[in-house]
Structures are given as C-alpha cells and as structure tokens.
Amino acid sequence: MRTSTMPAPHLRWQALEVDKDAHAALNGHRPRVLWLTGLSGAGKSTIANRLEHELFAAGVHTCVLDGDNVRHGLCGDLGFSDADRDENIRRVAEVAKLMVESGLVVIVAFISPFRAEREAARALFEPDEFVEVFVDAPLDVAEARDPKGLYRKARAGELNGFTGIDAPYEPPQAPELRVDTARLSPEAAAQVILDHLARTGLYAAR
C-alpha cells in the first residue's frame, strides 16, 4: 500500500477544539471502523447495508463506504492495477479516519485483497477502533452467486485482473471476526457483528 507523500514544509496539523472525545460524548457511543473484506459476491455490501440499518435504528451514527460507490466519485480516476488498488484503499482509509475523528461508526465494504493494505489502514486507528471482518465465501460459492456477472466476464477473458480469478486475494490471518456466508444468511452474519459490537461496548443491543 502506498503511503501519503510528505506534506509541504509550511503545512501544520490544525488542532480542533471539538475533538473525537467530544463527538463521542455527544453521540453516546465511541467511533469505530468495521472493515469488511472478502471476494466479490461474498456478501459485503449486503451485510454492510443490514448493519447500518440496525445500528441506525439503535441510534448509532454511521456511514457506509462501499467499494462500487466510492469508485463513482472519490476514486473515479483509478483503474485496477495493483498500484491503483492500493491507492483506492489508502484514500478510503484516510476518509474513514476523518469520519472516525468526527465520531462516526464507519462501515467499509471493499474487497481490499492485500493484507499489507489492510494493515496499513489499521495502523491509522487506535487499537480498539478497527474491526476487521472477513466476509468468507469460498470462490465457488461467490462465483455461483455472481450478482454483477463479473466472474462470467473474467472467465471469458473480458475482464482482466479480477480478484479470485487472475488476481490474488489474501485472506485475513487474524481478523477480529469471520462470518461464513456460505452458511450464514446476510441477516445472521450482520447479527454476529452486532453481537460483537454490543459485547465490546459500542452500544447497548436492543
């Protein structure tokens, strides 16, 4: 994962009076990043949507950063080379950091195929703020779902560098959570994550 370039010498970090602790006190909960990683078709976006629905209903201030949506704007200038994928994740991690500083629970749903880029993202946050969730579906299961027809195109040679076919995916080695979406419904997978958040004191489960 590429690191940010050094800021110009005349730039200084501006300390703000309303800090992360102040936002947390106002919101009634601590901020977090829920980083959902897994193959295309594993269920990341569906789970992220369900998570936000439940957290919103519980009064938790949230934002979802979805891989496809971010590619329409913030990262619309990037392709799918390894370098561009690294930059894609770097930008998303930096945006998530700003949102956490503003007191939000940020749900990130990206393939983010490389361990190094996920670890670089984790390093931006305090130890208890980053929750890596491995949305685990075997390749054959994800490919059978193929909700966007991308695996079919990759197999036909119409889409190059597709994760899981001709580009690697490096599964997390020690994620905070793993949800097996070959076995669990999106609702059940989201509930596993919600239970973890309740146990670790993010919010009081209903």
N, C-alpha and C. Protein backbone atom coordinates (compact mmCIF):
# COMPACT_ATOMS: atom_id res chain seq x y z
N MET A 1 0.85 -1.19 0.00
CA MET A 1 0.00 0.00 0.00
C MET A 1 0.88 1.24 0.00
N ARG A 2 0.63 2.15 -0.91
CA ARG A 2 1.43 3.35 -0.97
C ARG A 2 1.11 4.28 0.19
N THR A 3 2.12 4.92 0.71
CA THR A 3 1.91 5.88 1.79
C THR A 3 1.72 7.26 1.21
N SER A 4 1.17 8.15 2.01
CA SER A 4 0.97 9.52 1.57
C SER A 4 2.31 10.19 1.36
N THR A 5 2.36 11.13 0.42
CA THR A 5 3.56 11.93 0.26
C THR A 5 3.69 12.85 1.46
N MET A 6 4.92 13.26 1.76
CA MET A 6 5.15 14.15 2.88
C MET A 6 4.51 15.51 2.60
N PRO A 7 3.86 16.11 3.60
CA PRO A 7 3.25 17.42 3.38
C PRO A 7 4.31 18.49 3.18
N ALA A 8 3.92 19.57 2.52
CA ALA A 8 4.84 20.68 2.30
C ALA A 8 5.29 21.25 3.64
N PRO A 9 6.51 21.78 3.71
CA PRO A 9 7.05 22.26 4.99
C PRO A 9 6.20 23.31 5.68
N HIS A 10 5.44 24.09 4.91
CA HIS A 10 4.65 25.15 5.54
C HIS A 10 3.33 24.66 6.13
N LEU A 11 2.99 23.39 5.91
CA LEU A 11 1.73 22.87 6.42
C LEU A 11 1.89 22.40 7.86
N ARG A 12 0.89 22.69 8.66
CA ARG A 12 0.86 22.25 10.05
C ARG A 12 -0.51 21.64 10.35
N TRP A 13 -0.50 20.59 11.19
CA TRP A 13 -1.78 19.98 11.57
C TRP A 13 -2.56 20.95 12.46
N GLN A 14 -3.79 21.22 12.08
CA GLN A 14 -4.63 22.16 12.83
C GLN A 14 -5.39 21.43 13.94
N ALA A 15 -5.06 21.73 15.17
CA ALA A 15 -5.79 21.14 16.29
C ALA A 15 -7.18 21.77 16.38
N LEU A 16 -8.19 20.94 16.61
CA LEU A 16 -9.58 21.40 16.67
C LEU A 16 -10.11 21.27 18.09
N GLU A 17 -10.91 22.25 18.49
CA GLU A 17 -11.45 22.24 19.85
C GLU A 17 -12.46 21.12 20.05
N VAL A 18 -13.27 20.87 19.04
CA VAL A 18 -14.24 19.77 19.13
C VAL A 18 -13.56 18.52 18.61
N ASP A 19 -13.06 17.70 19.53
CA ASP A 19 -12.27 16.54 19.13
C ASP A 19 -13.11 15.27 19.13
N LYS A 20 -12.43 14.14 18.92
CA LYS A 20 -13.12 12.86 18.82
C LYS A 20 -13.86 12.52 20.11
N ASP A 21 -13.27 12.82 21.25
CA ASP A 21 -13.93 12.53 22.53
C ASP A 21 -15.20 13.36 22.68
N ALA A 22 -15.16 14.60 22.22
CA ALA A 22 -16.35 15.45 22.31
C ALA A 22 -17.47 14.91 21.43
N HIS A 23 -17.11 14.47 20.22
CA HIS A 23 -18.11 13.87 19.33
C HIS A 23 -18.70 12.61 19.96
N ALA A 24 -17.83 11.78 20.56
CA ALA A 24 -18.30 10.54 21.17
C ALA A 24 -19.27 10.83 22.32
N ALA A 25 -18.95 11.84 23.11
CA ALA A 25 -19.83 12.20 24.22
C ALA A 25 -21.19 12.66 23.72
N LEU A 26 -21.19 13.44 22.64
CA LEU A 26 -22.45 13.92 22.07
C LEU A 26 -23.25 12.77 21.46
N ASN A 27 -22.57 11.88 20.77
CA ASN A 27 -23.26 10.78 20.08
C ASN A 27 -23.72 9.69 21.03
N GLY A 28 -23.02 9.55 22.15
CA GLY A 28 -23.38 8.49 23.08
C GLY A 28 -22.75 7.16 22.77
N HIS A 29 -21.76 7.15 21.89
CA HIS A 29 -21.03 5.91 21.58
C HIS A 29 -19.66 6.27 21.04
N ARG A 30 -18.74 5.31 21.14
CA ARG A 30 -17.40 5.51 20.59
C ARG A 30 -17.42 5.24 19.08
N PRO A 31 -16.54 5.90 18.33
CA PRO A 31 -16.45 5.61 16.90
C PRO A 31 -15.69 4.32 16.64
N ARG A 32 -15.95 3.73 15.51
CA ARG A 32 -15.26 2.51 15.10
C ARG A 32 -15.18 2.47 13.58
N VAL A 33 -14.30 1.62 13.09
CA VAL A 33 -14.29 1.23 11.69
C VAL A 33 -14.56 -0.26 11.62
N LEU A 34 -15.58 -0.64 10.89
CA LEU A 34 -15.86 -2.05 10.60
C LEU A 34 -15.41 -2.30 9.17
N TRP A 35 -14.28 -2.98 9.02
CA TRP A 35 -13.67 -3.15 7.70
C TRP A 35 -14.04 -4.53 7.17
N LEU A 36 -15.01 -4.58 6.26
CA LEU A 36 -15.48 -5.83 5.67
C LEU A 36 -14.67 -6.13 4.42
N THR A 37 -13.97 -7.26 4.44
CA THR A 37 -13.15 -7.67 3.31
C THR A 37 -13.55 -9.07 2.87
N GLY A 38 -13.46 -9.33 1.58
CA GLY A 38 -13.80 -10.64 1.05
C GLY A 38 -13.97 -10.56 -0.46
N LEU A 39 -14.14 -11.70 -1.07
CA LEU A 39 -14.28 -11.77 -2.52
C LEU A 39 -15.53 -11.04 -3.01
N SER A 40 -15.51 -10.65 -4.26
CA SER A 40 -16.73 -10.15 -4.90
C SER A 40 -17.79 -11.24 -4.81
N GLY A 41 -18.99 -10.87 -4.39
CA GLY A 41 -20.06 -11.83 -4.25
C GLY A 41 -20.12 -12.51 -2.89
N ALA A 42 -19.19 -12.16 -2.00
CA ALA A 42 -19.20 -12.79 -0.67
C ALA A 42 -20.34 -12.28 0.19
N GLY A 43 -20.83 -11.06 -0.10
CA GLY A 43 -21.95 -10.51 0.67
C GLY A 43 -21.61 -9.27 1.45
N LYS A 44 -20.48 -8.64 1.17
CA LYS A 44 -20.03 -7.47 1.94
C LYS A 44 -21.03 -6.32 1.91
N SER A 45 -21.46 -5.93 0.73
CA SER A 45 -22.36 -4.78 0.62
C SER A 45 -23.71 -5.06 1.25
N THR A 46 -24.20 -6.27 1.09
CA THR A 46 -25.49 -6.63 1.68
C THR A 46 -25.41 -6.60 3.19
N ILE A 47 -24.32 -7.14 3.73
CA ILE A 47 -24.14 -7.13 5.18
C ILE A 47 -23.95 -5.71 5.69
N ALA A 48 -23.16 -4.91 4.97
CA ALA A 48 -22.94 -3.52 5.38
C ALA A 48 -24.26 -2.76 5.44
N ASN A 49 -25.11 -2.96 4.46
CA ASN A 49 -26.41 -2.29 4.43
C ASN A 49 -27.26 -2.71 5.62
N ARG A 50 -27.24 -4.01 5.92
CA ARG A 50 -28.02 -4.51 7.06
C ARG A 50 -27.46 -3.98 8.38
N LEU A 51 -26.15 -3.96 8.50
CA LEU A 51 -25.51 -3.41 9.69
C LEU A 51 -25.93 -1.97 9.93
N GLU A 52 -25.85 -1.16 8.87
CA GLU A 52 -26.19 0.24 9.04
C GLU A 52 -27.65 0.39 9.44
N HIS A 53 -28.51 -0.39 8.84
CA HIS A 53 -29.94 -0.32 9.18
C HIS A 53 -30.15 -0.57 10.67
N GLU A 54 -29.52 -1.61 11.20
CA GLU A 54 -29.71 -1.97 12.60
C GLU A 54 -29.06 -0.95 13.54
N LEU A 55 -27.85 -0.50 13.19
CA LEU A 55 -27.17 0.48 14.03
C LEU A 55 -27.91 1.82 14.03
N PHE A 56 -28.39 2.21 12.87
CA PHE A 56 -29.16 3.46 12.78
C PHE A 56 -30.40 3.38 13.66
N ALA A 57 -31.07 2.24 13.62
CA ALA A 57 -32.27 2.06 14.45
C ALA A 57 -31.94 2.12 15.93
N ALA A 58 -30.69 1.78 16.28
CA ALA A 58 -30.26 1.81 17.68
C ALA A 58 -29.68 3.17 18.07
N GLY A 59 -29.74 4.13 17.16
CA GLY A 59 -29.26 5.47 17.47
C GLY A 59 -27.78 5.67 17.29
N VAL A 60 -27.12 4.76 16.56
CA VAL A 60 -25.68 4.88 16.31
C VAL A 60 -25.46 5.68 15.04
N HIS A 61 -24.55 6.62 15.09
CA HIS A 61 -24.23 7.47 13.95
C HIS A 61 -23.26 6.73 13.02
N THR A 62 -23.68 6.50 11.78
CA THR A 62 -22.95 5.62 10.88
C THR A 62 -22.72 6.24 9.51
N CYS A 63 -21.81 5.62 8.77
CA CYS A 63 -21.64 5.91 7.35
C CYS A 63 -21.08 4.66 6.69
N VAL A 64 -21.60 4.32 5.52
CA VAL A 64 -21.09 3.19 4.75
C VAL A 64 -20.21 3.71 3.62
N LEU A 65 -19.02 3.16 3.50
CA LEU A 65 -18.15 3.39 2.35
C LEU A 65 -18.13 2.09 1.55
N ASP A 66 -18.83 2.10 0.44
CA ASP A 66 -18.97 0.91 -0.39
C ASP A 66 -18.04 1.00 -1.60
N GLY A 67 -17.41 -0.12 -1.94
CA GLY A 67 -16.42 -0.13 -2.99
C GLY A 67 -16.92 0.44 -4.31
N ASP A 68 -18.07 0.00 -4.78
CA ASP A 68 -18.59 0.49 -6.05
C ASP A 68 -18.94 1.97 -5.97
N ASN A 69 -19.56 2.38 -4.88
CA ASN A 69 -19.97 3.78 -4.76
C ASN A 69 -18.78 4.72 -4.75
N VAL A 70 -17.74 4.36 -4.03
CA VAL A 70 -16.55 5.21 -3.95
C VAL A 70 -15.87 5.32 -5.31
N ARG A 71 -15.95 4.27 -6.10
CA ARG A 71 -15.36 4.29 -7.45
C ARG A 71 -16.07 5.27 -8.38
N HIS A 72 -17.28 5.67 -8.01
CA HIS A 72 -18.00 6.64 -8.83
C HIS A 72 -17.56 8.07 -8.58
N GLY A 73 -16.86 8.32 -7.48
CA GLY A 73 -16.51 9.68 -7.13
C GLY A 73 -15.08 9.82 -6.67
N LEU A 74 -14.86 9.61 -5.38
CA LEU A 74 -13.55 9.81 -4.77
C LEU A 74 -12.44 9.10 -5.52
N CYS A 75 -12.70 7.91 -5.98
CA CYS A 75 -11.67 7.11 -6.65
C CYS A 75 -12.02 6.85 -8.12
N GLY A 76 -12.80 7.74 -8.69
CA GLY A 76 -13.21 7.57 -10.09
C GLY A 76 -12.08 7.67 -11.08
N ASP A 77 -10.94 8.21 -10.66
CA ASP A 77 -9.79 8.35 -11.56
C ASP A 77 -8.88 7.14 -11.53
N LEU A 78 -9.19 6.14 -10.72
CA LEU A 78 -8.29 4.99 -10.55
C LEU A 78 -8.74 3.80 -11.38
N GLY A 79 -7.76 3.04 -11.83
CA GLY A 79 -8.04 1.78 -12.51
C GLY A 79 -7.95 0.62 -11.55
N PHE A 80 -7.51 -0.54 -12.06
CA PHE A 80 -7.48 -1.74 -11.25
C PHE A 80 -6.12 -2.41 -11.25
N SER A 81 -5.08 -1.65 -11.53
CA SER A 81 -3.73 -2.16 -11.34
C SER A 81 -3.48 -2.31 -9.84
N ASP A 82 -2.42 -3.05 -9.49
CA ASP A 82 -2.11 -3.19 -8.06
C ASP A 82 -1.88 -1.83 -7.42
N ALA A 83 -1.18 -0.94 -8.13
CA ALA A 83 -0.89 0.39 -7.57
C ALA A 83 -2.18 1.19 -7.38
N ASP A 84 -3.09 1.11 -8.35
CA ASP A 84 -4.35 1.84 -8.23
C ASP A 84 -5.23 1.25 -7.13
N ARG A 85 -5.20 -0.05 -6.99
CA ARG A 85 -5.98 -0.67 -5.92
C ARG A 85 -5.43 -0.25 -4.55
N ASP A 86 -4.12 -0.18 -4.44
CA ASP A 86 -3.52 0.30 -3.20
C ASP A 86 -3.95 1.73 -2.90
N GLU A 87 -3.92 2.58 -3.92
CA GLU A 87 -4.30 3.98 -3.74
C GLU A 87 -5.79 4.09 -3.39
N ASN A 88 -6.60 3.25 -3.99
CA ASN A 88 -8.02 3.20 -3.68
C ASN A 88 -8.23 2.96 -2.19
N ILE A 89 -7.56 1.97 -1.64
CA ILE A 89 -7.71 1.64 -0.23
C ILE A 89 -7.09 2.72 0.65
N ARG A 90 -5.97 3.29 0.23
CA ARG A 90 -5.35 4.37 1.02
C ARG A 90 -6.32 5.54 1.18
N ARG A 91 -6.96 5.94 0.09
CA ARG A 91 -7.90 7.06 0.15
C ARG A 91 -9.08 6.73 1.06
N VAL A 92 -9.61 5.53 0.91
CA VAL A 92 -10.76 5.14 1.71
C VAL A 92 -10.39 5.11 3.20
N ALA A 93 -9.21 4.59 3.52
CA ALA A 93 -8.78 4.54 4.91
C ALA A 93 -8.63 5.95 5.49
N GLU A 94 -8.09 6.87 4.70
CA GLU A 94 -7.94 8.24 5.18
C GLU A 94 -9.30 8.91 5.38
N VAL A 95 -10.24 8.65 4.49
CA VAL A 95 -11.60 9.20 4.67
C VAL A 95 -12.24 8.59 5.92
N ALA A 96 -12.07 7.28 6.09
CA ALA A 96 -12.62 6.63 7.28
C ALA A 96 -12.03 7.22 8.54
N LYS A 97 -10.74 7.54 8.52
CA LYS A 97 -10.11 8.16 9.69
C LYS A 97 -10.76 9.50 10.01
N LEU A 98 -11.00 10.32 8.99
CA LEU A 98 -11.66 11.62 9.22
C LEU A 98 -13.05 11.41 9.82
N MET A 99 -13.75 10.41 9.34
CA MET A 99 -15.10 10.14 9.86
C MET A 99 -15.06 9.65 11.29
N VAL A 100 -14.08 8.83 11.62
CA VAL A 100 -13.92 8.38 13.00
C VAL A 100 -13.60 9.57 13.90
N GLU A 101 -12.76 10.48 13.42
CA GLU A 101 -12.45 11.68 14.21
C GLU A 101 -13.72 12.50 14.46
N SER A 102 -14.71 12.36 13.57
CA SER A 102 -15.98 13.05 13.73
C SER A 102 -17.00 12.23 14.51
N GLY A 103 -16.58 11.08 15.04
CA GLY A 103 -17.42 10.31 15.94
C GLY A 103 -18.29 9.26 15.31
N LEU A 104 -18.09 8.96 14.03
CA LEU A 104 -18.96 8.01 13.34
C LEU A 104 -18.48 6.57 13.45
N VAL A 105 -19.41 5.66 13.30
CA VAL A 105 -19.08 4.26 13.06
C VAL A 105 -19.09 4.08 11.55
N VAL A 106 -17.93 3.76 10.99
CA VAL A 106 -17.76 3.69 9.55
C VAL A 106 -17.72 2.22 9.12
N ILE A 107 -18.60 1.88 8.21
CA ILE A 107 -18.67 0.51 7.70
C ILE A 107 -18.06 0.52 6.30
N VAL A 108 -16.91 -0.11 6.18
CA VAL A 108 -16.17 -0.14 4.92
C VAL A 108 -16.39 -1.50 4.26
N ALA A 109 -16.89 -1.51 3.03
CA ALA A 109 -17.15 -2.76 2.31
C ALA A 109 -16.34 -2.76 1.02
N PHE A 110 -15.14 -3.30 1.09
CA PHE A 110 -14.22 -3.34 -0.05
C PHE A 110 -13.58 -4.72 -0.13
N ILE A 111 -13.34 -5.19 -1.34
CA ILE A 111 -12.58 -6.44 -1.47
C ILE A 111 -11.27 -6.32 -0.72
N SER A 112 -10.56 -5.20 -0.90
CA SER A 112 -9.25 -4.94 -0.27
C SER A 112 -8.43 -6.23 -0.19
N PRO A 113 -7.93 -6.69 -1.34
CA PRO A 113 -7.40 -8.06 -1.43
C PRO A 113 -6.06 -8.30 -0.74
N PHE A 114 -5.32 -7.25 -0.43
CA PHE A 114 -3.96 -7.45 0.06
C PHE A 114 -3.87 -7.18 1.56
N ARG A 115 -3.20 -8.07 2.28
CA ARG A 115 -3.04 -7.91 3.73
C ARG A 115 -2.32 -6.61 4.06
N ALA A 116 -1.29 -6.28 3.28
CA ALA A 116 -0.48 -5.10 3.59
C ALA A 116 -1.32 -3.83 3.57
N GLU A 117 -2.25 -3.73 2.62
CA GLU A 117 -3.06 -2.51 2.55
C GLU A 117 -4.06 -2.46 3.70
N ARG A 118 -4.55 -3.61 4.12
CA ARG A 118 -5.48 -3.63 5.25
C ARG A 118 -4.75 -3.29 6.55
N GLU A 119 -3.52 -3.78 6.68
CA GLU A 119 -2.74 -3.47 7.88
C GLU A 119 -2.34 -2.00 7.90
N ALA A 120 -2.05 -1.43 6.74
CA ALA A 120 -1.75 0.00 6.68
C ALA A 120 -2.97 0.82 7.08
N ALA A 121 -4.15 0.37 6.67
CA ALA A 121 -5.38 1.04 7.10
C ALA A 121 -5.55 0.93 8.61
N ARG A 122 -5.36 -0.25 9.15
CA ARG A 122 -5.50 -0.46 10.59
C ARG A 122 -4.58 0.48 11.38
N ALA A 123 -3.38 0.70 10.85
CA ALA A 123 -2.38 1.50 11.57
C ALA A 123 -2.80 2.95 11.75
N LEU A 124 -3.81 3.40 11.01
CA LEU A 124 -4.28 4.78 11.14
C LEU A 124 -5.14 4.99 12.38
N PHE A 125 -5.57 3.89 13.00
CA PHE A 125 -6.57 3.98 14.06
C PHE A 125 -6.01 3.49 15.39
N GLU A 126 -6.69 3.88 16.45
CA GLU A 126 -6.36 3.34 17.75
C GLU A 126 -6.72 1.85 17.78
N PRO A 127 -6.04 1.06 18.64
CA PRO A 127 -6.21 -0.40 18.59
C PRO A 127 -7.65 -0.89 18.67
N ASP A 128 -8.49 -0.23 19.47
CA ASP A 128 -9.86 -0.72 19.63
C ASP A 128 -10.84 -0.12 18.63
N GLU A 129 -10.33 0.67 17.68
CA GLU A 129 -11.22 1.35 16.74
C GLU A 129 -11.38 0.59 15.42
N PHE A 130 -10.53 -0.37 15.16
CA PHE A 130 -10.53 -1.04 13.85
C PHE A 130 -10.95 -2.49 14.04
N VAL A 131 -12.05 -2.86 13.40
CA VAL A 131 -12.57 -4.23 13.48
C VAL A 131 -12.55 -4.81 12.07
N GLU A 132 -11.62 -5.72 11.85
CA GLU A 132 -11.56 -6.38 10.54
C GLU A 132 -12.51 -7.56 10.53
N VAL A 133 -13.39 -7.57 9.53
CA VAL A 133 -14.39 -8.62 9.40
C VAL A 133 -14.14 -9.35 8.08
N PHE A 134 -13.77 -10.61 8.18
CA PHE A 134 -13.56 -11.43 6.99
C PHE A 134 -14.91 -12.00 6.57
N VAL A 135 -15.44 -11.48 5.49
CA VAL A 135 -16.69 -11.99 4.93
C VAL A 135 -16.29 -13.14 4.00
N ASP A 136 -16.38 -14.33 4.55
CA ASP A 136 -15.74 -15.51 3.96
C ASP A 136 -16.75 -16.33 3.16
N ALA A 137 -16.54 -16.34 1.86
CA ALA A 137 -17.29 -17.24 0.98
C ALA A 137 -16.28 -17.91 0.05
N PRO A 138 -16.26 -19.22 -0.04
CA PRO A 138 -15.35 -19.88 -0.97
C PRO A 138 -15.57 -19.37 -2.39
N LEU A 139 -14.51 -19.43 -3.18
CA LEU A 139 -14.59 -18.92 -4.54
C LEU A 139 -15.76 -19.52 -5.31
N ASP A 140 -15.98 -20.84 -5.17
CA ASP A 140 -17.06 -21.45 -5.95
C ASP A 140 -18.43 -20.92 -5.55
N VAL A 141 -18.58 -20.59 -4.25
CA VAL A 141 -19.86 -20.04 -3.79
C VAL A 141 -20.04 -18.62 -4.31
N ALA A 142 -18.99 -17.79 -4.16
CA ALA A 142 -19.08 -16.41 -4.65
C ALA A 142 -19.31 -16.38 -6.15
N GLU A 143 -18.64 -17.27 -6.86
CA GLU A 143 -18.77 -17.30 -8.32
C GLU A 143 -20.16 -17.78 -8.74
N ALA A 144 -20.73 -18.70 -8.00
CA ALA A 144 -22.08 -19.18 -8.32
C ALA A 144 -23.11 -18.07 -8.13
N ARG A 145 -22.87 -17.19 -7.16
CA ARG A 145 -23.80 -16.07 -6.97
C ARG A 145 -23.64 -15.06 -8.10
N ASP A 146 -22.42 -14.61 -8.32
CA ASP A 146 -22.04 -13.69 -9.41
C ASP A 146 -23.11 -12.63 -9.66
N PRO A 147 -23.46 -11.81 -8.66
CA PRO A 147 -24.58 -10.87 -8.81
C PRO A 147 -24.38 -9.83 -9.90
N LYS A 148 -23.13 -9.52 -10.23
CA LYS A 148 -22.86 -8.49 -11.24
C LYS A 148 -22.38 -9.10 -12.57
N GLY A 149 -22.30 -10.41 -12.65
CA GLY A 149 -21.81 -11.06 -13.86
C GLY A 149 -20.32 -10.89 -14.09
N LEU A 150 -19.57 -10.53 -13.04
CA LEU A 150 -18.15 -10.24 -13.21
C LEU A 150 -17.31 -11.50 -13.35
N TYR A 151 -17.67 -12.54 -12.61
CA TYR A 151 -16.91 -13.79 -12.74
C TYR A 151 -17.06 -14.36 -14.14
N ARG A 152 -18.28 -14.28 -14.67
CA ARG A 152 -18.51 -14.78 -16.03
C ARG A 152 -17.62 -14.04 -17.03
N LYS A 153 -17.55 -12.70 -16.87
CA LYS A 153 -16.71 -11.91 -17.78
C LYS A 153 -15.23 -12.24 -17.60
N ALA A 154 -14.82 -12.44 -16.34
CA ALA A 154 -13.42 -12.78 -16.08
C ALA A 154 -13.06 -14.13 -16.67
N ARG A 155 -13.93 -15.09 -16.53
CA ARG A 155 -13.68 -16.43 -17.09
C ARG A 155 -13.64 -16.38 -18.62
N ALA A 156 -14.38 -15.45 -19.19
CA ALA A 156 -14.42 -15.33 -20.65
C ALA A 156 -13.27 -14.48 -21.19
N GLY A 157 -12.43 -13.95 -20.32
CA GLY A 157 -11.32 -13.11 -20.74
C GLY A 157 -11.71 -11.69 -21.06
N GLU A 158 -12.92 -11.29 -20.66
CA GLU A 158 -13.39 -9.93 -20.93
C GLU A 158 -13.03 -8.96 -19.81
N LEU A 159 -12.53 -9.48 -18.70
CA LEU A 159 -12.22 -8.67 -17.53
C LEU A 159 -10.92 -9.18 -16.95
N ASN A 160 -9.87 -8.39 -17.06
CA ASN A 160 -8.56 -8.82 -16.61
C ASN A 160 -8.27 -8.33 -15.19
N GLY A 161 -7.43 -9.09 -14.49
CA GLY A 161 -7.03 -8.71 -13.14
C GLY A 161 -8.15 -8.80 -12.13
N PHE A 162 -9.04 -9.76 -12.31
CA PHE A 162 -10.19 -9.88 -11.42
C PHE A 162 -9.82 -10.75 -10.22
N THR A 163 -10.07 -10.22 -9.04
CA THR A 163 -9.69 -10.90 -7.80
C THR A 163 -10.36 -12.27 -7.69
N GLY A 164 -9.54 -13.27 -7.43
CA GLY A 164 -10.03 -14.63 -7.28
C GLY A 164 -9.90 -15.44 -8.55
N ILE A 165 -9.75 -14.79 -9.71
CA ILE A 165 -9.61 -15.49 -10.97
C ILE A 165 -8.17 -15.35 -11.48
N ASP A 166 -7.77 -14.14 -11.86
CA ASP A 166 -6.38 -13.96 -12.30
C ASP A 166 -5.66 -12.88 -11.49
N ALA A 167 -6.19 -12.57 -10.33
CA ALA A 167 -5.53 -11.70 -9.37
C ALA A 167 -5.76 -12.29 -7.98
N PRO A 168 -4.79 -12.18 -7.09
CA PRO A 168 -4.89 -12.88 -5.80
C PRO A 168 -5.78 -12.19 -4.80
N TYR A 169 -6.29 -12.98 -3.87
CA TYR A 169 -6.93 -12.46 -2.67
C TYR A 169 -6.21 -13.09 -1.48
N GLU A 170 -5.74 -12.25 -0.56
CA GLU A 170 -5.02 -12.72 0.62
C GLU A 170 -5.97 -12.65 1.82
N PRO A 171 -6.48 -13.79 2.27
CA PRO A 171 -7.43 -13.77 3.38
C PRO A 171 -6.78 -13.23 4.66
N PRO A 172 -7.56 -12.58 5.50
CA PRO A 172 -7.02 -12.14 6.80
C PRO A 172 -6.51 -13.33 7.61
N GLN A 173 -5.41 -13.13 8.30
CA GLN A 173 -4.85 -14.20 9.12
C GLN A 173 -5.38 -14.16 10.55
N ALA A 174 -5.71 -12.98 11.04
CA ALA A 174 -6.22 -12.87 12.41
C ALA A 174 -7.27 -11.76 12.49
N PRO A 175 -8.38 -11.90 11.77
CA PRO A 175 -9.41 -10.86 11.83
C PRO A 175 -10.11 -10.87 13.18
N GLU A 176 -10.67 -9.74 13.55
CA GLU A 176 -11.47 -9.72 14.77
C GLU A 176 -12.69 -10.63 14.63
N LEU A 177 -13.24 -10.70 13.42
CA LEU A 177 -14.42 -11.52 13.18
C LEU A 177 -14.32 -12.21 11.82
N ARG A 178 -14.90 -13.39 11.74
CA ARG A 178 -15.07 -14.08 10.47
C ARG A 178 -16.53 -14.51 10.39
N VAL A 179 -17.17 -14.18 9.27
CA VAL A 179 -18.54 -14.64 9.06
C VAL A 179 -18.56 -15.50 7.79
N ASP A 180 -19.06 -16.69 7.94
CA ASP A 180 -19.10 -17.67 6.86
C ASP A 180 -20.41 -17.50 6.10
N THR A 181 -20.35 -16.80 4.97
CA THR A 181 -21.59 -16.50 4.25
C THR A 181 -22.02 -17.63 3.33
N ALA A 182 -21.25 -18.71 3.29
CA ALA A 182 -21.76 -19.93 2.65
C ALA A 182 -22.76 -20.62 3.57
N ARG A 183 -22.67 -20.31 4.86
CA ARG A 183 -23.52 -20.94 5.86
C ARG A 183 -24.54 -19.98 6.47
N LEU A 184 -24.14 -18.71 6.61
CA LEU A 184 -24.99 -17.72 7.28
C LEU A 184 -25.70 -16.84 6.26
N SER A 185 -26.94 -16.50 6.55
CA SER A 185 -27.65 -15.50 5.75
C SER A 185 -27.03 -14.14 6.03
N PRO A 186 -27.26 -13.14 5.15
CA PRO A 186 -26.77 -11.79 5.45
C PRO A 186 -27.26 -11.26 6.79
N GLU A 187 -28.50 -11.56 7.13
CA GLU A 187 -29.06 -11.10 8.40
C GLU A 187 -28.33 -11.75 9.58
N ALA A 188 -28.06 -13.05 9.46
CA ALA A 188 -27.37 -13.75 10.54
C ALA A 188 -25.92 -13.29 10.65
N ALA A 189 -25.28 -13.04 9.50
CA ALA A 189 -23.90 -12.55 9.52
C ALA A 189 -23.83 -11.17 10.15
N ALA A 190 -24.77 -10.31 9.80
CA ALA A 190 -24.81 -8.97 10.41
C ALA A 190 -25.02 -9.08 11.91
N GLN A 191 -25.83 -10.03 12.34
CA GLN A 191 -26.10 -10.17 13.77
C GLN A 191 -24.84 -10.60 14.53
N VAL A 192 -24.01 -11.44 13.92
CA VAL A 192 -22.74 -11.82 14.55
C VAL A 192 -21.90 -10.57 14.82
N ILE A 193 -21.87 -9.67 13.86
CA ILE A 193 -21.08 -8.44 14.01
C ILE A 193 -21.72 -7.53 15.06
N LEU A 194 -23.04 -7.41 15.03
CA LEU A 194 -23.73 -6.58 16.02
C LEU A 194 -23.51 -7.11 17.44
N ASP A 195 -23.53 -8.42 17.58
CA ASP A 195 -23.30 -9.01 18.90
C ASP A 195 -21.89 -8.67 19.39
N HIS A 196 -20.93 -8.73 18.50
CA HIS A 196 -19.55 -8.37 18.86
C HIS A 196 -19.47 -6.91 19.30
N LEU A 197 -20.14 -6.03 18.59
CA LEU A 197 -20.12 -4.60 18.93
C LEU A 197 -20.78 -4.37 20.28
N ALA A 198 -21.86 -5.08 20.57
CA ALA A 198 -22.51 -4.93 21.86
C ALA A 198 -21.62 -5.45 22.98
N ARG A 199 -20.95 -6.59 22.74
CA ARG A 199 -20.07 -7.16 23.78
C ARG A 199 -18.89 -6.24 24.07
N THR A 200 -18.42 -5.54 23.04
CA THR A 200 -17.25 -4.68 23.23
C THR A 200 -17.62 -3.24 23.58
N GLY A 201 -18.89 -3.03 23.87
CA GLY A 201 -19.30 -1.77 24.46
C GLY A 201 -19.58 -0.64 23.50
N LEU A 202 -19.76 -0.94 22.21
CA LEU A 202 -20.07 0.15 21.29
C LEU A 202 -21.44 0.76 21.59
N TYR A 203 -22.40 -0.12 21.81
CA TYR A 203 -23.78 0.34 22.04
C TYR A 203 -24.53 -0.74 22.80
N ALA A 204 -25.65 -0.40 23.32
CA ALA A 204 -26.48 -1.36 24.04
C ALA A 204 -27.45 -2.02 23.07
N ALA A 205 -27.33 -3.32 22.91
CA ALA A 205 -28.22 -4.04 22.00
C ALA A 205 -29.66 -3.98 22.49
N ARG A 206 -30.57 -3.96 21.54
CA ARG A 206 -31.99 -3.90 21.92
C ARG A 206 -32.49 -5.28 22.35
